[in-house]
Amino acid sequence: MRNLLLSVALIAVPVAGFAAVEMWLLPAPASQSASAGLGDLAPFAMIVTDTQTIAATGDLVAAQTRITDLETAWDEAEPRLRAADANAWGVVDTAIDDALSALRKGTPSPVEVTDTLAALQETLAGPVAAAVTGAHMVNGIAVTDDTGHALPCEAMLTDLSTALGGHTATPEVADLQARALERCNADDDTRANAFTAQALALLKS
């Protein structure tokens, strides 16, 4: 009887050990991925699917109209999603900007539209958290958040208007402001913010 108990014990210990090792070494289920903090992104993915379906017919004007619904819904959800997982939010936001830019060009490229929408759909299915790089600076002015994602260009342009305080801008500042506004309207936050930062730096000098 003692030998039987000893045999059972000798078998049970390695089994328990292997189970513990598996818990530590095996990857976590997909449901526990870094993007889980964003929650259910299916409503956004549905809009992208609609946009892809419309774009496939060749009606890129209608596709642009439909993806504007995504832009509106995403902007409304930004405070909640960004607070939940700023890194993953930034990855999705960049993919959305790429798709918006492709559809809003003067003459959209069907290939580029198809590619950016497919990339966006893939990103929504599993956004990968971006590396935290710290805020990027241009002339001493922060143009990104701490994750390295461009700040909303509209907010930076508002800061510039506030800094001007109703005064007439110098020709150089006015030129930079106009360039920033043009890039912001084209959903190019990165370049818009660079122009705005240069203008702000001039006002501070």
N, C-alpha and C. Protein backbone atom coordinates (compact mmCIF):
# COMPACT_ATOMS: atom_id res chain seq x y z
N MET A 1 0.84 -1.21 0.00
CA MET A 1 0.00 0.00 0.00
C MET A 1 0.87 1.24 0.00
N ARG A 2 1.94 1.21 0.82
CA ARG A 2 2.85 2.35 0.89
C ARG A 2 3.50 2.59 -0.47
N ASN A 3 3.90 1.48 -1.15
CA ASN A 3 4.52 1.61 -2.48
C ASN A 3 3.55 2.22 -3.48
N LEU A 4 2.26 1.84 -3.37
CA LEU A 4 1.26 2.37 -4.28
C LEU A 4 1.09 3.87 -4.08
N LEU A 5 1.02 4.30 -2.81
CA LEU A 5 0.88 5.71 -2.51
C LEU A 5 2.09 6.50 -2.99
N LEU A 6 3.27 5.90 -2.82
CA LEU A 6 4.49 6.56 -3.25
C LEU A 6 4.51 6.72 -4.77
N SER A 7 4.04 5.69 -5.46
CA SER A 7 4.00 5.76 -6.93
C SER A 7 3.05 6.86 -7.40
N VAL A 8 1.90 6.94 -6.74
CA VAL A 8 0.92 7.99 -7.08
C VAL A 8 1.50 9.37 -6.85
N ALA A 9 2.21 9.51 -5.73
CA ALA A 9 2.82 10.79 -5.38
C ALA A 9 3.88 11.18 -6.40
N LEU A 10 4.68 10.18 -6.82
CA LEU A 10 5.74 10.46 -7.78
C LEU A 10 5.19 10.87 -9.15
N ILE A 11 4.00 10.35 -9.48
CA ILE A 11 3.36 10.71 -10.74
C ILE A 11 2.72 12.08 -10.63
N ALA A 12 2.08 12.34 -9.49
CA ALA A 12 1.33 13.58 -9.30
C ALA A 12 2.23 14.80 -9.30
N VAL A 13 3.43 14.68 -8.71
CA VAL A 13 4.33 15.83 -8.60
C VAL A 13 4.76 16.34 -9.96
N PRO A 14 5.27 15.46 -10.87
CA PRO A 14 5.64 15.97 -12.19
C PRO A 14 4.47 16.56 -12.96
N VAL A 15 3.27 15.94 -12.83
CA VAL A 15 2.11 16.46 -13.53
C VAL A 15 1.79 17.87 -13.06
N ALA A 16 1.80 18.07 -11.76
CA ALA A 16 1.53 19.39 -11.20
C ALA A 16 2.59 20.37 -11.64
N GLY A 17 3.84 19.89 -11.68
CA GLY A 17 4.94 20.75 -12.10
C GLY A 17 4.79 21.18 -13.53
N PHE A 18 4.45 20.23 -14.42
CA PHE A 18 4.26 20.56 -15.83
C PHE A 18 3.12 21.55 -16.00
N ALA A 19 2.06 21.37 -15.23
CA ALA A 19 0.92 22.28 -15.33
C ALA A 19 1.32 23.69 -14.95
N ALA A 20 2.15 23.79 -13.91
CA ALA A 20 2.60 25.11 -13.47
C ALA A 20 3.49 25.75 -14.52
N VAL A 21 4.36 24.95 -15.11
CA VAL A 21 5.25 25.47 -16.15
C VAL A 21 4.45 25.97 -17.33
N GLU A 22 3.40 25.21 -17.71
CA GLU A 22 2.57 25.62 -18.84
C GLU A 22 1.89 26.95 -18.56
N MET A 23 1.45 27.13 -17.31
CA MET A 23 0.77 28.37 -16.96
C MET A 23 1.72 29.55 -17.11
N TRP A 24 3.01 29.36 -16.82
CA TRP A 24 3.97 30.45 -16.88
C TRP A 24 4.52 30.69 -18.27
N LEU A 25 4.70 29.61 -19.05
CA LEU A 25 5.40 29.71 -20.32
C LEU A 25 4.52 29.83 -21.54
N LEU A 26 3.34 29.21 -21.51
CA LEU A 26 2.49 29.25 -22.69
C LEU A 26 1.88 30.64 -22.86
N PRO A 27 1.68 31.12 -24.11
CA PRO A 27 1.10 32.45 -24.32
C PRO A 27 -0.32 32.52 -23.82
N ALA A 28 -0.70 33.72 -23.40
CA ALA A 28 -2.07 33.92 -22.91
C ALA A 28 -3.04 33.79 -24.06
N PRO A 29 -4.28 33.41 -23.79
CA PRO A 29 -5.29 33.34 -24.85
C PRO A 29 -5.44 34.68 -25.53
N ALA A 30 -5.94 34.66 -26.75
CA ALA A 30 -6.08 35.89 -27.52
C ALA A 30 -6.96 36.91 -26.81
N SER A 31 -7.92 36.41 -26.03
CA SER A 31 -8.83 37.32 -25.34
C SER A 31 -8.12 38.15 -24.29
N GLN A 32 -6.89 37.76 -23.93
CA GLN A 32 -6.14 38.50 -22.93
C GLN A 32 -5.05 39.33 -23.59
N SER A 33 -5.18 39.64 -24.85
CA SER A 33 -4.17 40.39 -25.57
C SER A 33 -4.13 41.83 -25.09
N ALA A 34 -3.05 42.55 -25.51
CA ALA A 34 -2.85 43.93 -25.06
C ALA A 34 -3.98 44.85 -25.49
N SER A 35 -4.70 44.47 -26.53
CA SER A 35 -5.76 45.34 -27.04
C SER A 35 -7.09 45.13 -26.33
N ALA A 36 -7.12 44.19 -25.37
CA ALA A 36 -8.39 43.88 -24.71
C ALA A 36 -8.98 45.11 -24.02
N GLY A 37 -8.10 46.07 -23.64
CA GLY A 37 -8.57 47.23 -22.92
C GLY A 37 -9.51 48.11 -23.72
N LEU A 38 -9.47 48.01 -25.05
CA LEU A 38 -10.35 48.83 -25.88
C LEU A 38 -11.77 48.30 -25.92
N GLY A 39 -11.95 47.05 -25.51
CA GLY A 39 -13.29 46.47 -25.50
C GLY A 39 -13.75 46.05 -26.89
N ASP A 40 -15.04 46.05 -27.09
CA ASP A 40 -15.63 45.55 -28.34
C ASP A 40 -15.55 46.63 -29.43
N LEU A 41 -14.76 46.35 -30.47
CA LEU A 41 -14.60 47.29 -31.57
C LEU A 41 -15.46 46.90 -32.78
N ALA A 42 -16.34 45.91 -32.60
CA ALA A 42 -17.18 45.42 -33.69
C ALA A 42 -18.01 46.52 -34.37
N PRO A 43 -18.59 47.47 -33.62
CA PRO A 43 -19.39 48.51 -34.29
C PRO A 43 -18.56 49.33 -35.29
N PHE A 44 -17.29 49.57 -34.95
CA PHE A 44 -16.41 50.31 -35.86
C PHE A 44 -16.06 49.43 -37.07
N ALA A 45 -15.81 48.15 -36.81
CA ALA A 45 -15.47 47.24 -37.89
C ALA A 45 -16.62 47.10 -38.89
N MET A 46 -17.86 47.17 -38.40
CA MET A 46 -19.02 47.07 -39.28
C MET A 46 -19.06 48.24 -40.27
N ILE A 47 -18.70 49.42 -39.79
CA ILE A 47 -18.68 50.59 -40.68
C ILE A 47 -17.60 50.41 -41.74
N VAL A 48 -16.46 49.87 -41.33
CA VAL A 48 -15.38 49.64 -42.29
C VAL A 48 -15.81 48.61 -43.33
N THR A 49 -16.52 47.58 -42.88
CA THR A 49 -17.02 46.57 -43.82
C THR A 49 -17.97 47.20 -44.83
N ASP A 50 -18.86 48.07 -44.36
CA ASP A 50 -19.77 48.78 -45.26
C ASP A 50 -18.98 49.61 -46.27
N THR A 51 -17.95 50.29 -45.77
CA THR A 51 -17.13 51.14 -46.64
C THR A 51 -16.42 50.31 -47.69
N GLN A 52 -15.91 49.14 -47.28
CA GLN A 52 -15.24 48.25 -48.23
C GLN A 52 -16.20 47.77 -49.31
N THR A 53 -17.41 47.45 -48.90
CA THR A 53 -18.42 46.97 -49.85
C THR A 53 -18.76 48.04 -50.88
N ILE A 54 -18.92 49.27 -50.39
CA ILE A 54 -19.24 50.38 -51.28
C ILE A 54 -18.07 50.68 -52.21
N ALA A 55 -16.85 50.70 -51.64
CA ALA A 55 -15.66 51.00 -52.44
C ALA A 55 -15.47 49.96 -53.54
N ALA A 56 -15.84 48.72 -53.26
CA ALA A 56 -15.68 47.65 -54.24
C ALA A 56 -16.55 47.87 -55.48
N THR A 57 -17.62 48.68 -55.34
CA THR A 57 -18.48 48.98 -56.49
C THR A 57 -17.90 50.10 -57.34
N GLY A 58 -16.85 50.75 -56.80
CA GLY A 58 -16.23 51.85 -57.52
C GLY A 58 -16.77 53.21 -57.14
N ASP A 59 -17.77 53.26 -56.25
CA ASP A 59 -18.35 54.54 -55.83
C ASP A 59 -17.57 55.06 -54.61
N LEU A 60 -16.42 55.68 -54.88
CA LEU A 60 -15.56 56.13 -53.79
C LEU A 60 -16.13 57.36 -53.08
N VAL A 61 -17.00 58.10 -53.75
CA VAL A 61 -17.65 59.24 -53.09
C VAL A 61 -18.57 58.75 -51.98
N ALA A 62 -19.35 57.71 -52.29
CA ALA A 62 -20.24 57.13 -51.27
C ALA A 62 -19.42 56.47 -50.17
N ALA A 63 -18.30 55.86 -50.55
CA ALA A 63 -17.43 55.22 -49.55
C ALA A 63 -16.86 56.27 -48.60
N GLN A 64 -16.52 57.44 -49.14
CA GLN A 64 -16.01 58.52 -48.30
C GLN A 64 -17.08 58.99 -47.33
N THR A 65 -18.31 59.05 -47.80
CA THR A 65 -19.42 59.46 -46.93
C THR A 65 -19.61 58.47 -45.79
N ARG A 66 -19.54 57.18 -46.11
CA ARG A 66 -19.75 56.15 -45.09
C ARG A 66 -18.63 56.15 -44.06
N ILE A 67 -17.38 56.33 -44.50
CA ILE A 67 -16.28 56.27 -43.54
C ILE A 67 -16.27 57.50 -42.63
N THR A 68 -16.96 58.56 -43.06
CA THR A 68 -17.10 59.72 -42.18
C THR A 68 -17.90 59.36 -40.93
N ASP A 69 -18.81 58.39 -41.07
CA ASP A 69 -19.55 57.90 -39.90
C ASP A 69 -18.59 57.27 -38.90
N LEU A 70 -17.57 56.57 -39.43
CA LEU A 70 -16.56 55.97 -38.55
C LEU A 70 -15.76 57.05 -37.84
N GLU A 71 -15.38 58.07 -38.58
CA GLU A 71 -14.60 59.17 -37.99
C GLU A 71 -15.38 59.81 -36.85
N THR A 72 -16.67 60.05 -37.07
CA THR A 72 -17.51 60.67 -36.05
C THR A 72 -17.64 59.78 -34.82
N ALA A 73 -17.94 58.50 -35.04
CA ALA A 73 -18.11 57.56 -33.92
C ALA A 73 -16.81 57.39 -33.15
N TRP A 74 -15.69 57.32 -33.88
CA TRP A 74 -14.39 57.13 -33.23
C TRP A 74 -14.02 58.36 -32.39
N ASP A 75 -14.26 59.55 -32.92
CA ASP A 75 -13.96 60.77 -32.18
C ASP A 75 -14.81 60.87 -30.92
N GLU A 76 -16.08 60.46 -31.03
CA GLU A 76 -16.96 60.52 -29.86
C GLU A 76 -16.51 59.54 -28.77
N ALA A 77 -15.93 58.42 -29.20
CA ALA A 77 -15.50 57.40 -28.24
C ALA A 77 -14.07 57.63 -27.74
N GLU A 78 -13.39 58.63 -28.30
CA GLU A 78 -11.97 58.83 -27.96
C GLU A 78 -11.70 58.95 -26.46
N PRO A 79 -12.43 59.77 -25.71
CA PRO A 79 -12.11 59.90 -24.28
C PRO A 79 -12.13 58.56 -23.55
N ARG A 80 -13.12 57.73 -23.84
CA ARG A 80 -13.24 56.43 -23.17
C ARG A 80 -12.17 55.46 -23.63
N LEU A 81 -11.97 55.36 -24.95
CA LEU A 81 -11.02 54.39 -25.48
C LEU A 81 -9.57 54.77 -25.18
N ARG A 82 -9.28 56.04 -25.29
CA ARG A 82 -7.90 56.48 -25.05
C ARG A 82 -7.52 56.27 -23.59
N ALA A 83 -8.49 56.47 -22.70
CA ALA A 83 -8.23 56.26 -21.27
C ALA A 83 -8.05 54.77 -20.97
N ALA A 84 -8.74 53.91 -21.73
CA ALA A 84 -8.65 52.47 -21.50
C ALA A 84 -7.32 51.89 -21.95
N ASP A 85 -6.83 52.31 -23.11
CA ASP A 85 -5.56 51.79 -23.65
C ASP A 85 -5.05 52.78 -24.67
N ALA A 86 -4.26 53.74 -24.22
CA ALA A 86 -3.80 54.82 -25.09
C ALA A 86 -2.95 54.31 -26.24
N ASN A 87 -2.14 53.29 -25.99
CA ASN A 87 -1.26 52.77 -27.04
C ASN A 87 -2.06 52.11 -28.16
N ALA A 88 -2.97 51.22 -27.79
CA ALA A 88 -3.78 50.54 -28.80
C ALA A 88 -4.69 51.53 -29.52
N TRP A 89 -5.21 52.51 -28.77
CA TRP A 89 -6.04 53.54 -29.40
C TRP A 89 -5.26 54.27 -30.48
N GLY A 90 -4.00 54.58 -30.19
CA GLY A 90 -3.17 55.30 -31.15
C GLY A 90 -2.93 54.51 -32.42
N VAL A 91 -2.77 53.19 -32.27
CA VAL A 91 -2.55 52.34 -33.44
C VAL A 91 -3.78 52.35 -34.35
N VAL A 92 -4.95 52.21 -33.74
CA VAL A 92 -6.20 52.22 -34.52
C VAL A 92 -6.43 53.59 -35.13
N ASP A 93 -6.19 54.64 -34.36
CA ASP A 93 -6.41 56.00 -34.83
C ASP A 93 -5.56 56.30 -36.06
N THR A 94 -4.32 55.82 -36.05
CA THR A 94 -3.44 56.02 -37.20
C THR A 94 -3.96 55.29 -38.43
N ALA A 95 -4.46 54.07 -38.23
CA ALA A 95 -5.01 53.29 -39.35
C ALA A 95 -6.26 53.98 -39.91
N ILE A 96 -7.06 54.57 -39.04
CA ILE A 96 -8.25 55.30 -39.50
C ILE A 96 -7.83 56.52 -40.31
N ASP A 97 -6.83 57.26 -39.81
CA ASP A 97 -6.34 58.44 -40.53
C ASP A 97 -5.84 58.06 -41.92
N ASP A 98 -5.15 56.92 -42.03
CA ASP A 98 -4.64 56.48 -43.33
C ASP A 98 -5.79 56.22 -44.31
N ALA A 99 -6.84 55.56 -43.82
CA ALA A 99 -7.98 55.25 -44.68
C ALA A 99 -8.73 56.53 -45.07
N LEU A 100 -8.88 57.45 -44.12
CA LEU A 100 -9.54 58.72 -44.42
C LEU A 100 -8.76 59.51 -45.47
N SER A 101 -7.45 59.55 -45.31
CA SER A 101 -6.61 60.29 -46.25
C SER A 101 -6.70 59.69 -47.65
N ALA A 102 -6.73 58.36 -47.73
CA ALA A 102 -6.80 57.70 -49.03
C ALA A 102 -8.11 58.04 -49.74
N LEU A 103 -9.21 58.08 -48.99
CA LEU A 103 -10.51 58.34 -49.60
C LEU A 103 -10.76 59.82 -49.88
N ARG A 104 -10.05 60.70 -49.18
CA ARG A 104 -10.31 62.13 -49.32
C ARG A 104 -9.34 62.84 -50.26
N LYS A 105 -8.51 62.09 -50.94
CA LYS A 105 -7.63 62.72 -51.92
C LYS A 105 -8.46 63.26 -53.07
N GLY A 106 -7.89 64.24 -53.79
CA GLY A 106 -8.61 64.80 -54.92
C GLY A 106 -9.04 63.75 -55.92
N THR A 107 -8.12 62.83 -56.19
CA THR A 107 -8.42 61.68 -57.05
C THR A 107 -7.99 60.42 -56.32
N PRO A 108 -8.89 59.84 -55.52
CA PRO A 108 -8.52 58.66 -54.73
C PRO A 108 -8.06 57.50 -55.62
N SER A 109 -7.05 56.79 -55.12
CA SER A 109 -6.56 55.59 -55.82
C SER A 109 -7.34 54.38 -55.31
N PRO A 110 -8.05 53.68 -56.18
CA PRO A 110 -8.81 52.50 -55.73
C PRO A 110 -7.94 51.48 -55.01
N VAL A 111 -6.71 51.32 -55.49
CA VAL A 111 -5.79 50.36 -54.87
C VAL A 111 -5.43 50.80 -53.47
N GLU A 112 -5.09 52.08 -53.31
CA GLU A 112 -4.73 52.60 -51.99
C GLU A 112 -5.92 52.53 -51.03
N VAL A 113 -7.10 52.85 -51.54
CA VAL A 113 -8.30 52.77 -50.71
C VAL A 113 -8.52 51.34 -50.23
N THR A 114 -8.42 50.40 -51.15
CA THR A 114 -8.61 49.00 -50.79
C THR A 114 -7.59 48.55 -49.75
N ASP A 115 -6.33 48.93 -49.96
CA ASP A 115 -5.26 48.51 -49.06
C ASP A 115 -5.41 49.12 -47.66
N THR A 116 -5.72 50.41 -47.60
CA THR A 116 -5.83 51.06 -46.29
C THR A 116 -7.05 50.58 -45.52
N LEU A 117 -8.14 50.29 -46.24
CA LEU A 117 -9.33 49.76 -45.56
C LEU A 117 -9.07 48.35 -45.03
N ALA A 118 -8.35 47.55 -45.81
CA ALA A 118 -8.02 46.19 -45.36
C ALA A 118 -7.10 46.25 -44.14
N ALA A 119 -6.15 47.17 -44.17
CA ALA A 119 -5.23 47.33 -43.04
C ALA A 119 -5.99 47.79 -41.80
N LEU A 120 -6.95 48.70 -42.00
CA LEU A 120 -7.76 49.19 -40.89
C LEU A 120 -8.59 48.06 -40.29
N GLN A 121 -9.18 47.26 -41.14
CA GLN A 121 -10.00 46.15 -40.66
C GLN A 121 -9.14 45.18 -39.84
N GLU A 122 -7.93 44.92 -40.31
CA GLU A 122 -7.02 44.03 -39.59
C GLU A 122 -6.60 44.63 -38.26
N THR A 123 -6.38 45.93 -38.25
CA THR A 123 -5.98 46.60 -37.02
C THR A 123 -7.10 46.57 -35.98
N LEU A 124 -8.33 46.79 -36.43
CA LEU A 124 -9.47 46.73 -35.51
C LEU A 124 -9.64 45.34 -34.92
N ALA A 125 -9.27 44.31 -35.71
CA ALA A 125 -9.40 42.93 -35.22
C ALA A 125 -8.39 42.61 -34.15
N GLY A 126 -7.26 43.32 -34.15
CA GLY A 126 -6.24 43.05 -33.14
C GLY A 126 -5.19 44.14 -33.09
N PRO A 127 -5.55 45.30 -32.55
CA PRO A 127 -4.57 46.39 -32.46
C PRO A 127 -3.41 46.00 -31.56
N VAL A 128 -2.22 46.30 -32.00
CA VAL A 128 -1.02 46.01 -31.22
C VAL A 128 -0.60 47.29 -30.52
N ALA A 129 -0.37 47.20 -29.24
CA ALA A 129 0.01 48.39 -28.48
C ALA A 129 1.33 48.95 -28.99
N ALA A 130 1.33 50.24 -29.28
CA ALA A 130 2.56 50.89 -29.74
C ALA A 130 3.52 51.10 -28.58
N ALA A 131 4.79 51.13 -28.90
CA ALA A 131 5.81 51.35 -27.87
C ALA A 131 5.70 52.78 -27.35
N VAL A 132 5.87 52.94 -26.05
CA VAL A 132 5.83 54.26 -25.46
C VAL A 132 7.17 54.94 -25.74
N THR A 133 7.15 56.02 -26.47
CA THR A 133 8.39 56.67 -26.86
C THR A 133 8.57 58.04 -26.22
N GLY A 134 7.55 58.55 -25.58
CA GLY A 134 7.61 59.89 -25.04
C GLY A 134 7.18 60.90 -26.09
N ALA A 135 6.81 62.07 -25.64
CA ALA A 135 6.32 63.10 -26.55
C ALA A 135 7.42 63.57 -27.48
N HIS A 136 7.10 63.74 -28.76
CA HIS A 136 8.04 64.28 -29.74
C HIS A 136 7.92 65.80 -29.71
N MET A 137 9.05 66.46 -29.88
CA MET A 137 9.08 67.91 -29.80
C MET A 137 9.53 68.51 -31.13
N VAL A 138 8.98 69.66 -31.48
CA VAL A 138 9.43 70.45 -32.63
C VAL A 138 9.65 71.87 -32.12
N ASN A 139 10.89 72.31 -32.16
CA ASN A 139 11.25 73.64 -31.65
C ASN A 139 10.80 73.83 -30.19
N GLY A 140 10.91 72.75 -29.43
CA GLY A 140 10.55 72.83 -28.01
C GLY A 140 9.08 72.71 -27.73
N ILE A 141 8.26 72.46 -28.75
CA ILE A 141 6.80 72.34 -28.59
C ILE A 141 6.42 70.88 -28.80
N ALA A 142 5.66 70.30 -27.86
CA ALA A 142 5.22 68.91 -28.00
C ALA A 142 4.21 68.80 -29.13
N VAL A 143 4.46 67.85 -30.05
CA VAL A 143 3.54 67.64 -31.17
C VAL A 143 2.88 66.26 -31.11
N THR A 144 3.25 65.45 -30.11
CA THR A 144 2.63 64.13 -29.91
C THR A 144 2.34 63.95 -28.43
N ASP A 145 1.56 62.91 -28.12
CA ASP A 145 1.37 62.56 -26.72
C ASP A 145 2.52 61.66 -26.29
N ASP A 146 2.45 61.10 -25.08
CA ASP A 146 3.54 60.29 -24.55
C ASP A 146 3.73 58.97 -25.28
N THR A 147 2.74 58.56 -26.09
CA THR A 147 2.87 57.32 -26.85
C THR A 147 3.49 57.57 -28.22
N GLY A 148 3.76 58.85 -28.52
CA GLY A 148 4.33 59.17 -29.83
C GLY A 148 3.28 59.41 -30.88
N HIS A 149 2.00 59.41 -30.51
CA HIS A 149 0.91 59.63 -31.47
C HIS A 149 0.63 61.12 -31.58
N ALA A 150 0.47 61.58 -32.82
CA ALA A 150 0.26 63.01 -33.07
C ALA A 150 -0.93 63.56 -32.28
N LEU A 151 -0.73 64.73 -31.68
CA LEU A 151 -1.84 65.40 -31.00
C LEU A 151 -2.87 65.85 -32.04
N PRO A 152 -4.12 66.00 -31.65
CA PRO A 152 -5.13 66.49 -32.60
C PRO A 152 -4.70 67.85 -33.14
N CYS A 153 -4.59 67.96 -34.46
CA CYS A 153 -4.11 69.21 -35.05
C CYS A 153 -5.05 70.37 -34.75
N GLU A 154 -6.34 70.07 -34.60
CA GLU A 154 -7.30 71.13 -34.28
C GLU A 154 -6.97 71.79 -32.94
N ALA A 155 -6.55 70.95 -31.98
CA ALA A 155 -6.23 71.48 -30.65
C ALA A 155 -4.99 72.37 -30.71
N MET A 156 -4.00 71.95 -31.51
CA MET A 156 -2.79 72.76 -31.61
C MET A 156 -3.06 74.08 -32.33
N LEU A 157 -3.91 74.04 -33.35
CA LEU A 157 -4.27 75.27 -34.04
C LEU A 157 -5.02 76.23 -33.11
N THR A 158 -5.83 75.66 -32.22
CA THR A 158 -6.52 76.47 -31.23
C THR A 158 -5.52 77.13 -30.29
N ASP A 159 -4.49 76.37 -29.90
CA ASP A 159 -3.43 76.93 -29.05
C ASP A 159 -2.73 78.10 -29.75
N LEU A 160 -2.53 77.94 -31.05
CA LEU A 160 -1.88 79.01 -31.82
C LEU A 160 -2.76 80.25 -31.85
N SER A 161 -4.05 80.08 -32.08
CA SER A 161 -4.97 81.21 -32.10
C SER A 161 -5.00 81.91 -30.75
N THR A 162 -4.97 81.11 -29.69
CA THR A 162 -4.96 81.68 -28.34
C THR A 162 -3.69 82.48 -28.11
N ALA A 163 -2.57 81.94 -28.58
CA ALA A 163 -1.28 82.61 -28.41
C ALA A 163 -1.23 83.93 -29.18
N LEU A 164 -1.91 83.98 -30.33
CA LEU A 164 -1.96 85.21 -31.11
C LEU A 164 -2.79 86.27 -30.39
N GLY A 165 -3.78 85.82 -29.64
CA GLY A 165 -4.58 86.73 -28.83
C GLY A 165 -5.27 87.82 -29.62
N GLY A 166 -5.67 87.50 -30.84
CA GLY A 166 -6.38 88.50 -31.64
C GLY A 166 -5.47 89.45 -32.39
N HIS A 167 -4.15 89.34 -32.17
CA HIS A 167 -3.22 90.22 -32.86
C HIS A 167 -2.95 89.70 -34.27
N THR A 168 -2.56 90.58 -35.16
CA THR A 168 -2.24 90.18 -36.52
C THR A 168 -0.91 89.44 -36.53
N ALA A 169 -0.91 88.27 -37.15
CA ALA A 169 0.31 87.46 -37.18
C ALA A 169 1.31 88.06 -38.17
N THR A 170 2.58 87.86 -37.90
CA THR A 170 3.61 88.27 -38.85
C THR A 170 3.46 87.42 -40.11
N PRO A 171 3.98 87.87 -41.23
CA PRO A 171 3.86 87.08 -42.47
C PRO A 171 4.37 85.65 -42.30
N GLU A 172 5.47 85.46 -41.57
CA GLU A 172 6.04 84.11 -41.40
C GLU A 172 5.11 83.23 -40.59
N VAL A 173 4.57 83.79 -39.49
CA VAL A 173 3.65 83.02 -38.65
C VAL A 173 2.35 82.74 -39.41
N ALA A 174 1.86 83.71 -40.13
CA ALA A 174 0.63 83.54 -40.89
C ALA A 174 0.79 82.45 -41.95
N ASP A 175 1.97 82.40 -42.58
CA ASP A 175 2.23 81.37 -43.60
C ASP A 175 2.24 79.98 -42.97
N LEU A 176 2.89 79.86 -41.81
CA LEU A 176 2.94 78.57 -41.12
C LEU A 176 1.53 78.16 -40.66
N GLN A 177 0.75 79.12 -40.20
CA GLN A 177 -0.62 78.84 -39.76
C GLN A 177 -1.47 78.34 -40.93
N ALA A 178 -1.30 78.96 -42.09
CA ALA A 178 -2.06 78.55 -43.27
C ALA A 178 -1.65 77.14 -43.70
N ARG A 179 -0.38 76.84 -43.65
CA ARG A 179 0.09 75.50 -44.02
C ARG A 179 -0.43 74.46 -43.04
N ALA A 180 -0.42 74.82 -41.76
CA ALA A 180 -0.92 73.89 -40.74
C ALA A 180 -2.40 73.61 -40.95
N LEU A 181 -3.16 74.65 -41.26
CA LEU A 181 -4.61 74.48 -41.47
C LEU A 181 -4.87 73.60 -42.69
N GLU A 182 -4.09 73.80 -43.76
CA GLU A 182 -4.28 73.01 -44.97
C GLU A 182 -3.99 71.54 -44.70
N ARG A 183 -2.92 71.26 -43.96
CA ARG A 183 -2.56 69.87 -43.64
C ARG A 183 -3.56 69.25 -42.66
N CYS A 184 -4.07 70.06 -41.75
CA CYS A 184 -5.06 69.56 -40.78
C CYS A 184 -6.35 69.18 -41.49
N ASN A 185 -6.76 69.99 -42.46
CA ASN A 185 -7.97 69.68 -43.23
C ASN A 185 -7.80 68.41 -44.05
N ALA A 186 -6.53 68.06 -44.34
CA ALA A 186 -6.24 66.85 -45.10
C ALA A 186 -5.99 65.65 -44.19
N ASP A 187 -6.29 65.83 -42.88
CA ASP A 187 -6.10 64.76 -41.88
C ASP A 187 -4.64 64.35 -41.74
N ASP A 188 -3.74 65.27 -42.00
CA ASP A 188 -2.31 65.02 -41.84
C ASP A 188 -1.85 65.71 -40.56
N ASP A 189 -2.21 65.13 -39.42
CA ASP A 189 -1.92 65.75 -38.13
C ASP A 189 -0.43 65.96 -37.91
N THR A 190 0.39 65.02 -38.35
CA THR A 190 1.83 65.09 -38.08
C THR A 190 2.45 66.35 -38.69
N ARG A 191 2.21 66.57 -39.98
CA ARG A 191 2.80 67.74 -40.63
C ARG A 191 2.11 69.03 -40.17
N ALA A 192 0.80 68.96 -39.94
CA ALA A 192 0.09 70.14 -39.45
C ALA A 192 0.68 70.60 -38.12
N ASN A 193 0.92 69.65 -37.23
CA ASN A 193 1.46 69.99 -35.92
C ASN A 193 2.88 70.54 -36.01
N ALA A 194 3.65 70.05 -36.97
CA ALA A 194 5.00 70.57 -37.14
C ALA A 194 4.97 72.04 -37.53
N PHE A 195 4.06 72.40 -38.46
CA PHE A 195 3.93 73.80 -38.86
C PHE A 195 3.45 74.66 -37.69
N THR A 196 2.45 74.15 -36.95
CA THR A 196 1.91 74.91 -35.83
C THR A 196 2.97 75.12 -34.75
N ALA A 197 3.76 74.09 -34.49
CA ALA A 197 4.81 74.20 -33.47
C ALA A 197 5.84 75.25 -33.87
N GLN A 198 6.18 75.29 -35.14
CA GLN A 198 7.12 76.31 -35.60
C GLN A 198 6.56 77.71 -35.41
N ALA A 199 5.27 77.87 -35.68
CA ALA A 199 4.62 79.16 -35.50
C ALA A 199 4.60 79.56 -34.03
N LEU A 200 4.27 78.61 -33.16
CA LEU A 200 4.24 78.87 -31.72
C LEU A 200 5.62 79.26 -31.22
N ALA A 201 6.64 78.57 -31.72
CA ALA A 201 8.00 78.85 -31.30
C ALA A 201 8.40 80.27 -31.71
N LEU A 202 7.97 80.69 -32.90
CA LEU A 202 8.28 82.06 -33.34
C LEU A 202 7.62 83.09 -32.43
N LEU A 203 6.39 82.79 -32.00
CA LEU A 203 5.70 83.74 -31.11
C LEU A 203 6.37 83.83 -29.75
N LYS A 204 7.01 82.75 -29.35
CA LYS A 204 7.66 82.74 -28.04
C LYS A 204 9.06 83.32 -28.07
N SER A 205 9.61 83.46 -29.27
CA SER A 205 10.99 83.94 -29.38
C SER A 205 11.07 85.46 -29.28
